[in-house]
C-alpha atoms as a PDB file:
ATOM      1  CA  MET A   1      -9.714  11.741  -7.915  1.00  0.00           C
ATOM      2  CA  ALA A   2     -11.018   9.155  -5.449  1.00  0.00           C
ATOM      3  CA  LEU A   3     -11.497  11.781  -3.053  1.00  0.00           C
ATOM      4  CA  LEU A   4     -13.584  13.729  -5.550  1.00  0.00           C
ATOM      5  CA  ASN A   5     -15.558  10.728  -6.518  1.00  0.00           C
ATOM      6  CA  ALA A   6     -16.522  10.118  -2.781  1.00  0.00           C
ATOM      7  CA  GLU A   7     -18.952  13.209  -3.027  1.00  0.00           C
ATOM      8  CA  ASP A   8     -20.576  12.751   0.517  1.00  0.00           C
ATOM      9  CA  TRP A   9     -17.952  14.618   2.180  1.00  0.00           C
ATOM     10  CA  ILE A  10     -19.051  17.805   0.343  1.00  0.00           C
ATOM     11  CA  ASP A  11     -21.945  18.131   2.873  1.00  0.00           C
ATOM     12  CA  HIS A  12     -19.483  18.387   5.596  1.00  0.00           C
ATOM     13  CA  PHE A  13     -16.366  19.915   4.285  1.00  0.00           C
ATOM     14  CA  ASP A  14     -15.122  22.633   1.831  1.00  0.00           C
ATOM     15  CA  LEU A  15     -12.116  21.890  -0.363  1.00  0.00           C
ATOM     16  CA  GLU A  16      -9.721  24.648   0.383  1.00  0.00           C
ATOM     17  CA  TYR A  17      -6.521  23.492  -1.363  1.00  0.00           C
ATOM     18  CA  MET A  18      -5.841  20.913  -4.019  1.00  0.00           C
ATOM     19  CA  THR A  19      -3.524  22.219  -6.777  1.00  0.00           C
ATOM     20  CA  LEU A  20      -4.640  19.629  -9.242  1.00  0.00           C
ATOM     21  CA  VAL A  21      -8.162  20.931  -9.425  1.00  0.00           C
ATOM     22  CA  MET A  22      -8.091  24.530  -8.160  1.00  0.00           C
ATOM     23  CA  SER A  23      -5.637  27.503  -8.004  1.00  0.00           C
ATOM     24  CA  ALA A  24      -4.104  28.134  -4.578  1.00  0.00           C
ATOM     25  CA  TYR A  25      -0.772  29.436  -3.529  1.00  0.00           C
ATOM     26  CA  ASP A  26      -0.627  28.251  -0.007  1.00  0.00           C
ATOM     27  CA  VAL A  27      -2.658  26.016   2.469  1.00  0.00           C
ATOM     28  CA  PRO A  28      -4.950  28.139   4.542  1.00  0.00           C
ATOM     29  CA  GLU A  29      -6.024  27.139   8.095  1.00  0.00           C
ATOM     30  CA  VAL A  30      -7.924  23.922   7.763  1.00  0.00           C
ATOM     31  CA  GLU A  31      -9.722  21.528  10.052  1.00  0.00           C
ATOM     32  CA  VAL A  32      -8.190  18.287   8.189  1.00  0.00           C
ATOM     33  CA  LEU A  33      -5.009  18.083   6.145  1.00  0.00           C
ATOM     34  CA  LEU A  34      -4.802  15.065   3.732  1.00  0.00           C
ATOM     35  CA  VAL A  35      -1.229  14.580   2.579  1.00  0.00           C
ATOM     36  CA  SER A  36      -0.890  12.332  -0.476  1.00  0.00           C
ATOM     37  CA  GLY A  37       2.806  12.377  -1.245  1.00  0.00           C
ATOM     38  CA  GLY A  38       6.228  11.707   0.427  1.00  0.00           C
ATOM     39  CA  VAL A  39       9.035  14.172   1.290  1.00  0.00           C
ATOM     40  CA  ARG A  40      11.335  14.369  -1.620  1.00  0.00           C
ATOM     41  CA  THR A  41      12.918  17.895  -1.634  1.00  0.00           C
ATOM     42  CA  GLU A  42      13.560  20.580   0.941  1.00  0.00           C
ATOM     43  CA  TYR A  43      10.588  22.537  -0.676  1.00  0.00           C
ATOM     44  CA  ASP A  44       8.376  19.526   0.120  1.00  0.00           C
ATOM     45  CA  LEU A  45       9.445  19.596   3.712  1.00  0.00           C
ATOM     46  CA  PHE A  46       8.932  23.331   3.981  1.00  0.00           C
ATOM     47  CA  LYS A  47       5.393  23.165   2.620  1.00  0.00           C
ATOM     48  CA  LEU A  48       4.603  20.116   4.830  1.00  0.00           C
ATOM     49  CA  ARG A  49       5.723  21.811   8.096  1.00  0.00           C
ATOM     50  CA  ARG A  50       4.036  24.993   7.164  1.00  0.00           C
ATOM     51  CA  ALA A  51       0.767  23.249   6.440  1.00  0.00           C
ATOM     52  CA  VAL A  52       0.741  21.189   9.565  1.00  0.00           C
ATOM     53  CA  GLY A  53       0.900  24.314  11.675  1.00  0.00           C
ATOM     54  CA  LYS A  54      -2.439  25.304  10.249  1.00  0.00           C
ATOM     55  CA  THR A  55      -4.540  22.234  10.869  1.00  0.00           C
ATOM     56  CA  ASN A  56      -6.157  20.204  13.715  1.00  0.00           C
ATOM     57  CA  GLN A  57      -5.641  16.909  12.156  1.00  0.00           C
ATOM     58  CA  VAL A  58      -3.089  15.271   9.718  1.00  0.00           C
ATOM     59  CA  ILE A  59      -4.044  12.227   7.674  1.00  0.00           C
ATOM     60  CA  ALA A  60      -1.300  10.525   5.604  1.00  0.00           C
ATOM     61  CA  VAL A  61      -3.031   9.250   2.375  1.00  0.00           C
ATOM     62  CA  GLY A  62      -1.725   6.495   0.276  1.00  0.00           C
ATOM     63  CA  THR A  63       1.455   4.504  -0.373  1.00  0.00           C
ATOM     64  CA  CYS A  64       3.665   7.450  -1.064  1.00  0.00           C
ATOM     65  CA  ALA A  65       2.829   9.542   2.065  1.00  0.00           C
ATOM     66  CA  ILE A  66       3.009   6.372   4.294  1.00  0.00           C
ATOM     67  CA  SER A  67       6.097   4.617   2.884  1.00  0.00           C
ATOM     68  CA  GLY A  68       7.708   6.996   0.487  1.00  0.00           C
ATOM     69  CA  GLY A  69       6.535   5.163  -2.607  1.00  0.00           C
ATOM     70  CA  VAL A  70       8.606   4.308  -5.622  1.00  0.00           C
ATOM     71  CA  ALA A  71      11.193   7.165  -5.038  1.00  0.00           C
ATOM     72  CA  ASN A  72      11.957   5.568  -1.538  1.00  0.00           C
ATOM     73  CA  LEU A  73      13.236   2.350  -3.081  1.00  0.00           C
ATOM     74  CA  GLY A  74      16.654   3.634  -4.122  1.00  0.00           C
ATOM     75  CA  GLU A  75      18.052   3.696  -0.562  1.00  0.00           C
ATOM     76  CA  ARG A  76      16.803   0.156   0.418  1.00  0.00           C
ATOM     77  CA  PRO A  77      19.759  -2.265   0.590  1.00  0.00           C
ATOM     78  CA  GLU A  78      17.692  -5.223  -0.559  1.00  0.00           C
ATOM     79  CA  VAL A  79      16.541  -3.491  -3.587  1.00  0.00           C
ATOM     80  CA  ASN A  80      19.954  -2.282  -4.429  1.00  0.00           C
ATOM     81  CA  GLU A  81      21.211  -5.861  -4.092  1.00  0.00           C
ATOM     82  CA  ILE A  82      18.509  -7.260  -6.422  1.00  0.00           C
ATOM     83  CA  PHE A  83      19.124  -4.440  -9.011  1.00  0.00           C
ATOM     84  CA  LEU A  84      22.843  -4.811  -9.046  1.00  0.00           C
ATOM     85  CA  ALA A  85      22.561  -8.644  -9.242  1.00  0.00           C
ATOM     86  CA  ASN A  86      20.699  -8.503 -12.558  1.00  0.00           C
ATOM     87  CA  THR A  87      23.650  -8.477 -14.975  1.00  0.00           C
ATOM     88  CA  GLU A  88      21.278  -8.980 -17.871  1.00  0.00           C
ATOM     89  CA  ARG A  89      19.470  -5.722 -17.638  1.00  0.00           C
ATOM     90  CA  LEU A  90      19.527  -3.279 -20.547  1.00  0.00           C
ATOM     91  CA  HIS A  91      19.046   0.518 -20.406  1.00  0.00           C
ATOM     92  CA  LEU A  92      17.457   0.552 -17.011  1.00  0.00           C
ATOM     93  CA  PRO A  93      17.489   3.965 -15.258  1.00  0.00           C
ATOM     94  CA  ASP A  94      19.440   4.616 -12.095  1.00  0.00           C
ATOM     95  CA  LEU A  95      17.632   4.095  -8.786  1.00  0.00           C
ATOM     96  CA  LEU A  96      15.935   7.272  -7.580  1.00  0.00           C
ATOM     97  CA  PRO A  97      17.042   8.961  -4.413  1.00  0.00           C
ATOM     98  CA  THR A  98      15.155   8.396  -1.158  1.00  0.00           C
ATOM     99  CA  CYS A  99      11.770   9.814  -0.621  1.00  0.00           C
ATOM    100  CA  ARG A 100      10.800   9.847   3.134  1.00  0.00           C
ATOM    101  CA  PRO A 101       7.445   9.005   4.657  1.00  0.00           C
ATOM    102  CA  ILE A 102       5.860  12.239   6.081  1.00  0.00           C
ATOM    103  CA  ASP A 103       5.723  10.800   9.691  1.00  0.00           C
ATOM    104  CA  THR A 104       9.580  11.080   9.820  1.00  0.00           C
ATOM    105  CA  GLU A 105       9.155  14.819   9.705  1.00  0.00           C
ATOM    106  CA  VAL A 106       5.734  15.559  11.311  1.00  0.00           C
ATOM    107  CA  LYS A 107       3.263  13.925  13.787  1.00  0.00           C
ATOM    108  CA  VAL A 108       0.469  11.946  11.831  1.00  0.00           C
ATOM    109  CA  ASP A 109      -2.947  11.403  13.456  1.00  0.00           C
ATOM    110  CA  LEU A 110      -4.306   8.771  10.988  1.00  0.00           C
ATOM    111  CA  TYR A 111      -3.016   6.719   8.120  1.00  0.00           C
ATOM    112  CA  LEU A 112      -5.088   5.887   5.115  1.00  0.00           C
ATOM    113  CA  PRO A 113      -3.213   3.344   3.050  1.00  0.00           C
ATOM    114  CA  GLY A 114      -4.005   2.387  -0.626  1.00  0.00           C
ATOM    115  CA  CYS A 115      -2.908   3.306  -4.044  1.00  0.00           C
ATOM    116  CA  PRO A 116      -5.201   4.998  -4.198  1.00  0.00           C
ATOM    117  CA  PRO A 117      -7.585   4.610  -1.180  1.00  0.00           C
ATOM    118  CA  THR A 118     -11.151   4.012  -2.612  1.00  0.00           C
ATOM    119  CA  PRO A 119     -13.819   6.820  -2.221  1.00  0.00           C
ATOM    120  CA  GLU A 120     -15.545   4.685   0.564  1.00  0.00           C
ATOM    121  CA  LEU A 121     -12.282   4.783   2.610  1.00  0.00           C
ATOM    122  CA  PHE A 122     -11.984   8.492   2.253  1.00  0.00           C
ATOM    123  CA  MET A 123     -15.477   8.776   3.685  1.00  0.00           C
ATOM    124  CA  ALA A 124     -14.458   6.357   6.601  1.00  0.00           C
ATOM    125  CA  VAL A 125     -11.857   8.976   7.720  1.00  0.00           C
ATOM    126  CA  LEU A 126     -13.705  12.147   6.851  1.00  0.00           C
ATOM    127  CA  ASP A 127     -17.111  11.269   8.295  1.00  0.00           C
ATOM    128  CA  GLU A 128     -17.132   9.704  11.804  1.00  0.00           C
ATOM    129  CA  SER A 129     -20.703   8.722  11.420  1.00  0.00           C
ATOM    130  CA  ALA A 130     -19.971   6.690   8.261  1.00  0.00           C
ATOM    131  CA  GLU A 131     -20.573   2.873   8.953  1.00  0.00           C
ATOM    132  CA  MET A 132     -17.904   0.839   7.373  1.00  0.00           C
ATOM    133  CA  GLU A 133     -16.722  -2.488   8.480  1.00  0.00           C
ATOM    134  CA  ILE A 134     -13.222  -3.230   7.348  1.00  0.00           C
ATOM    135  CA  ALA A 135     -12.149  -6.828   6.944  1.00  0.00           C
ATOM    136  CA  LYS A 136      -8.918  -8.008   8.500  1.00  0.00           C
ATOM    137  CA  SER A 137      -7.481  -8.887   5.095  1.00  0.00           C
ATOM    138  CA  VAL A 138      -8.207  -8.700   1.383  1.00  0.00           C
ATOM    139  CA  CYS A 139      -8.626 -12.435   1.274  1.00  0.00           C
ATOM    140  CA  GLN A 140     -11.647 -12.214   3.540  1.00  0.00           C
ATOM    141  CA  GLU A 141     -13.340  -9.753   1.241  1.00  0.00           C
ATOM    142  CA  CYS A 142     -12.423 -11.533  -1.950  1.00  0.00           C
ATOM    143  CA  GLY A 143     -14.432 -14.800  -1.329  1.00  0.00           C
ATOM    144  CA  LEU A 144     -13.034 -16.584  -4.377  1.00  0.00           C
ATOM    145  CA  LYS A 145     -13.312 -20.322  -3.914  1.00  0.00           C
ATOM    146  CA  LYS A 146     -10.245 -22.446  -2.868  1.00  0.00           C
ATOM    147  CA  ALA A 147      -9.587 -25.372  -5.233  1.00  0.00           C
ATOM    148  CA  ARG A 148      -7.917 -28.244  -3.342  1.00  0.00           C
ATOM    149  CA  ASP A 149      -7.428 -30.132  -6.745  1.00  0.00           C
ATOM    150  CA  MET A 150      -5.407 -27.281  -8.174  1.00  0.00           C
ATOM    151  CA  ARG A 151      -1.829 -27.077  -6.988  1.00  0.00           C
ATOM    152  CA  PRO A 152       0.443 -25.176  -9.548  1.00  0.00           C
ATOM    153  CA  ASN A 153       4.056 -26.087  -9.743  1.00  0.00           C
ATOM    154  CA  HIS A 154       5.111 -22.602 -10.869  1.00  0.00           C
ATOM    155  CA  LEU A 155       4.035 -18.934 -10.780  1.00  0.00           C
ATOM    156  CA  LEU A 156       2.245 -17.339 -13.802  1.00  0.00           C
ATOM    157  CA  GLY A 157       3.267 -13.746 -14.738  1.00  0.00           C
ATOM    158  CA  PHE A 158       0.590 -11.025 -14.164  1.00  0.00           C
ATOM    159  CA  GLN A 159      -0.353 -10.920 -17.840  1.00  0.00           C
ATOM    160  CA  GLN A 160      -0.093 -14.690 -18.669  1.00  0.00           C
ATOM    161  CA  GLY A 161      -2.777 -17.424 -18.767  1.00  0.00           C
ATOM    162  CA  GLU A 162      -6.567 -17.277 -18.649  1.00  0.00           C
ATOM    163  CA  VAL A 163      -7.961 -16.236 -15.263  1.00  0.00           C
ATOM    164  CA  LEU A 164     -10.781 -18.335 -13.840  1.00  0.00           C
ATOM    165  CA  THR A 165     -13.068 -15.906 -12.340  1.00  0.00           C
ATOM    166  CA  GLU A 166     -14.499 -18.047  -9.398  1.00  0.00           C
ATOM    167  CA  ILE A 167     -11.300 -19.717  -8.330  1.00  0.00           C
ATOM    168  CA  CYS A 168      -8.642 -18.331  -5.801  1.00  0.00           C
ATOM    169  CA  LEU A 169      -5.825 -16.618  -7.799  1.00  0.00           C
ATOM    170  CA  ILE A 170      -3.286 -18.426  -5.690  1.00  0.00           C
ATOM    171  CA  ASN A 171      -4.549 -21.958  -6.750  1.00  0.00           C
ATOM    172  CA  GLN A 172      -4.259 -20.645 -10.342  1.00  0.00           C
ATOM    173  CA  GLY A 173      -0.514 -19.805  -9.930  1.00  0.00           C
ATOM    174  CA  TYR A 174      -0.753 -15.992  -9.448  1.00  0.00           C
ATOM    175  CA  LEU A 175       1.378 -14.252  -6.839  1.00  0.00           C
ATOM    176  CA  CYS A 176      -1.599 -12.820  -4.756  1.00  0.00           C
ATOM    177  CA  VAL A 177      -0.671 -11.454  -1.328  1.00  0.00           C
ATOM    178  CA  GLY A 178      -4.312 -10.686  -0.196  1.00  0.00           C
ATOM    179  CA  THR A 179      -4.048 -13.098   2.808  1.00  0.00           C
ATOM    180  CA  SER A 180      -1.783 -10.602   4.626  1.00  0.00           C
ATOM    181  CA  THR A 181      -2.831  -7.314   3.128  1.00  0.00           C
ATOM    182  CA  ARG A 182      -5.132  -4.955   5.066  1.00  0.00           C
ATOM    183  CA  GLY A 183      -8.826  -5.149   3.899  1.00  0.00           C
ATOM    184  CA  GLY A 184     -11.145  -2.346   3.214  1.00  0.00           C
ATOM    185  CA  CYS A 185     -10.671  -2.124  -0.514  1.00  0.00           C
ATOM    186  CA  ARG A 186     -13.696  -4.541  -1.125  1.00  0.00           C
ATOM    187  CA  ALA A 187     -11.045  -6.746  -3.114  1.00  0.00           C
ATOM    188  CA  ILE A 188     -11.721  -4.718  -6.301  1.00  0.00           C
ATOM    189  CA  CYS A 189      -8.522  -6.013  -7.876  1.00  0.00           C
ATOM    190  CA  THR A 190      -8.731  -9.794  -7.102  1.00  0.00           C
ATOM    191  CA  LEU A 191     -12.422 -10.050  -8.066  1.00  0.00           C
ATOM    192  CA  ALA A 192     -11.499  -8.477 -11.368  1.00  0.00           C
ATOM    193  CA  GLY A 193      -8.847 -11.236 -11.887  1.00  0.00           C
ATOM    194  CA  PHE A 194      -5.767  -9.187 -10.924  1.00  0.00           C
ATOM    195  CA  PRO A 195      -3.529 -10.434  -7.882  1.00  0.00           C
ATOM    196  CA  CYS A 196      -3.423  -8.234  -4.783  1.00  0.00           C
ATOM    197  CA  VAL A 197       0.002  -6.476  -4.618  1.00  0.00           C
ATOM    198  CA  GLY A 198      -0.402  -5.138  -1.100  1.00  0.00           C
ATOM    199  CA  CYS A 199      -1.131  -1.635  -1.663  1.00  0.00           C
ATOM    200  CA  ARG A 200      -3.161  -1.282   1.455  1.00  0.00           C
ATOM    201  CA  GLY A 201      -0.151  -2.348   3.462  1.00  0.00           C
ATOM    202  CA  PRO A 202      -0.064  -5.009   6.176  1.00  0.00           C
ATOM    203  CA  SER A 203      -3.026  -6.415   8.078  1.00  0.00           C
ATOM    204  CA  ASP A 204      -3.202  -5.672  11.850  1.00  0.00           C
ATOM    205  CA  ALA A 205      -1.406  -8.931  12.492  1.00  0.00           C
ATOM    206  CA  PHE A 206       1.829  -7.640  10.852  1.00  0.00           C
ATOM    207  CA  ILE A 207       1.820  -3.783  11.390  1.00  0.00           C
ATOM    208  CA  GLU A 208       3.898  -4.169  14.554  1.00  0.00           C
ATOM    209  CA  LYS A 209       6.282  -6.921  13.309  1.00  0.00           C
ATOM    210  CA  ASP A 210       9.218  -6.877  10.960  1.00  0.00           C
ATOM    211  CA  SER A 211       8.820  -7.570   7.341  1.00  0.00           C
ATOM    212  CA  GLN A 212      10.354 -11.075   7.655  1.00  0.00           C
ATOM    213  CA  ALA A 213       7.190 -12.193   9.696  1.00  0.00           C
ATOM    214  CA  TRP A 214       5.092 -11.019   6.619  1.00  0.00           C
ATOM    215  CA  PHE A 215       7.271 -12.851   4.122  1.00  0.00           C
ATOM    216  CA  LYS A 216       7.284 -16.107   6.261  1.00  0.00           C
ATOM    217  CA  SER A 217       3.308 -15.943   6.310  1.00  0.00           C
ATOM    218  CA  ILE A 218       3.081 -15.615   2.527  1.00  0.00           C
ATOM    219  CA  HIS A 219       5.486 -18.589   2.115  1.00  0.00           C
ATOM    220  CA  ARG A 220       3.135 -20.659   4.508  1.00  0.00           C
ATOM    221  CA  VAL A 221       0.111 -19.857   2.408  1.00  0.00           C
ATOM    222  CA  PHE A 222       1.712 -20.772  -0.883  1.00  0.00           C
ATOM    223  CA  SER A 223       3.253 -24.114   0.774  1.00  0.00           C
ATOM    224  CA  HIS A 224      -0.349 -24.946   1.871  1.00  0.00           C
ATOM    225  CA  MET A 225      -2.018 -24.185  -1.448  1.00  0.00           C
ATOM    226  CA  THR A 226       0.549 -24.906  -4.099  1.00  0.00           C
ATOM    227  CA  ASP A 227       3.647 -26.940  -4.976  1.00  0.00           C
ATOM    228  CA  ILE A 228       5.514 -23.807  -6.076  1.00  0.00           C
ATOM    229  CA  PRO A 229       9.181 -23.891  -4.710  1.00  0.00           C
ATOM    230  CA  ASP A 230       9.948 -21.579  -1.931  1.00  0.00           C
ATOM    231  CA  GLU A 231      12.786 -20.047  -3.908  1.00  0.00           C
ATOM    232  CA  GLU A 232      10.604 -19.041  -6.726  1.00  0.00           C
ATOM    233  CA  ILE A 233       8.168 -17.435  -4.337  1.00  0.00           C
ATOM    234  CA  ASP A 234      10.894 -15.517  -2.484  1.00  0.00           C
ATOM    235  CA  PHE A 235      12.335 -14.312  -5.806  1.00  0.00           C
ATOM    236  CA  ALA A 236       9.051 -13.009  -7.067  1.00  0.00           C
ATOM    237  CA  LEU A 237       8.133 -11.327  -3.717  1.00  0.00           C
ATOM    238  CA  ARG A 238      11.411  -9.451  -3.663  1.00  0.00           C
ATOM    239  CA  SER A 239      11.457  -8.501  -7.310  1.00  0.00           C
ATOM    240  CA  PRO A 240      11.386  -4.994  -8.472  1.00  0.00           C
ATOM    241  CA  GLN A 241       7.938  -5.526 -10.030  1.00  0.00           C
ATOM    242  CA  LEU A 242       6.450  -5.592  -6.587  1.00  0.00           C
ATOM    243  CA  SER A 243       8.867  -3.461  -4.739  1.00  0.00           C
ATOM    244  CA  LEU A 244       6.654  -0.224  -4.906  1.00  0.00           C
ATOM    245  CA  PHE A 245       3.988  -1.885  -2.460  1.00  0.00           C
ATOM    246  CA  LEU A 246       5.644  -4.895  -0.644  1.00  0.00           C
ATOM    247  CA  PHE A 247       8.658  -3.200   0.712  1.00  0.00           C
ATOM    248  CA  GLN A 248       6.409  -0.665   2.562  1.00  0.00           C
ATOM    249  CA  PHE A 249       5.507  -3.519   4.972  1.00  0.00           C
ATOM    250  CA  ALA A 250       8.989  -3.082   6.463  1.00  0.00           C
ATOM    251  CA  ASP A 251       8.060   0.670   7.207  1.00  0.00           C
ATOM    252  CA  TYR A 252       5.039  -0.317   9.325  1.00  0.00           C
ATOM    253  CA  ALA A 253       7.244  -2.109  11.809  1.00  0.00           C
ATOM    254  CA  GLY A 254       9.083   1.188  12.539  1.00  0.00           C
ATOM    255  CA  GLU A 255      12.778   0.714  11.413  1.00  0.00           C
ATOM    256  CA  GLY A 256      14.520   3.223  13.642  1.00  0.00           C
ATOM    257  CA  GLN A 257      11.260   4.437  15.108  1.00  0.00           C
ATOM    258  CA  LEU A 258       8.316   3.301  17.203  1.00  0.00           C
ATOM    259  CA  PRO A 259       5.893   1.073  15.349  1.00  0.00           C
ATOM    260  CA  ARG A 260       2.588   2.703  13.873  1.00  0.00           C
ATOM    261  CA  GLN A 261      -0.317   1.957  16.138  1.00  0.00           C
ATOM    262  CA  LYS A 262      -3.088  -0.313  14.588  1.00  0.00           C
ATOM    263  CA  GLU A 263      -5.686   2.193  15.792  1.00  0.00           C
ATOM    264  CA  GLN A 264      -4.228   4.937  13.610  1.00  0.00           C
ATOM    265  CA  VAL A 265      -4.371   2.853  10.300  1.00  0.00           C
ATOM    266  CA  VAL A 266      -7.848   2.909   8.559  1.00  0.00           C
END
């Protein structure tokens, strides 16, 4: 839907295959292939490899294509440990099987992270003449004021408390990770009062580092701006509530493969 809302690409491209909005059995030969999901089944792999052979450029779009998404969480040992340690859980479903990022199977030319990427970001990859300056982090785009006299002692849940619209969400006790998350989204979540959950993936400073470097950075930010205990921050960062987005940070560092290049990530 974000792609369709971009509109400007219509002057440069024809939409040849998108099963959500048009009937098409197979991907024809195309100039650009946008892939918006992970590899979950053998049929997914068959379709992906077949489509890649008919295009000049492959762009992985969104969290699922880049990191496998929610279905990839089942095989992560840290998620299994958290899940099994929660003895008070009631009627929770079993963890899902692994869902591989597409670059484990095919060569990817560009990565367009986001869940979903905004229409403006779509135009940044489809139109080389599009002028878009992407900030290093969501925090730089947000611009909410830091409040030195506000140092919360505990985290607030996502739906708790009354959000002050002009004050940094961290100072208000919300778990916002915009300081280390890639910019380009124009901070549409934080400016609306919802903490950044990292859907754009790591900023350039963390793409080629392991996830521990990113976690340590978040801890330093909260230690500087709040009095919330490290244990509480760490538990919240690794909780299943944020797993869909935050555990993708480990994927960018190339576990078992070469790191993704900064220049390839929009």
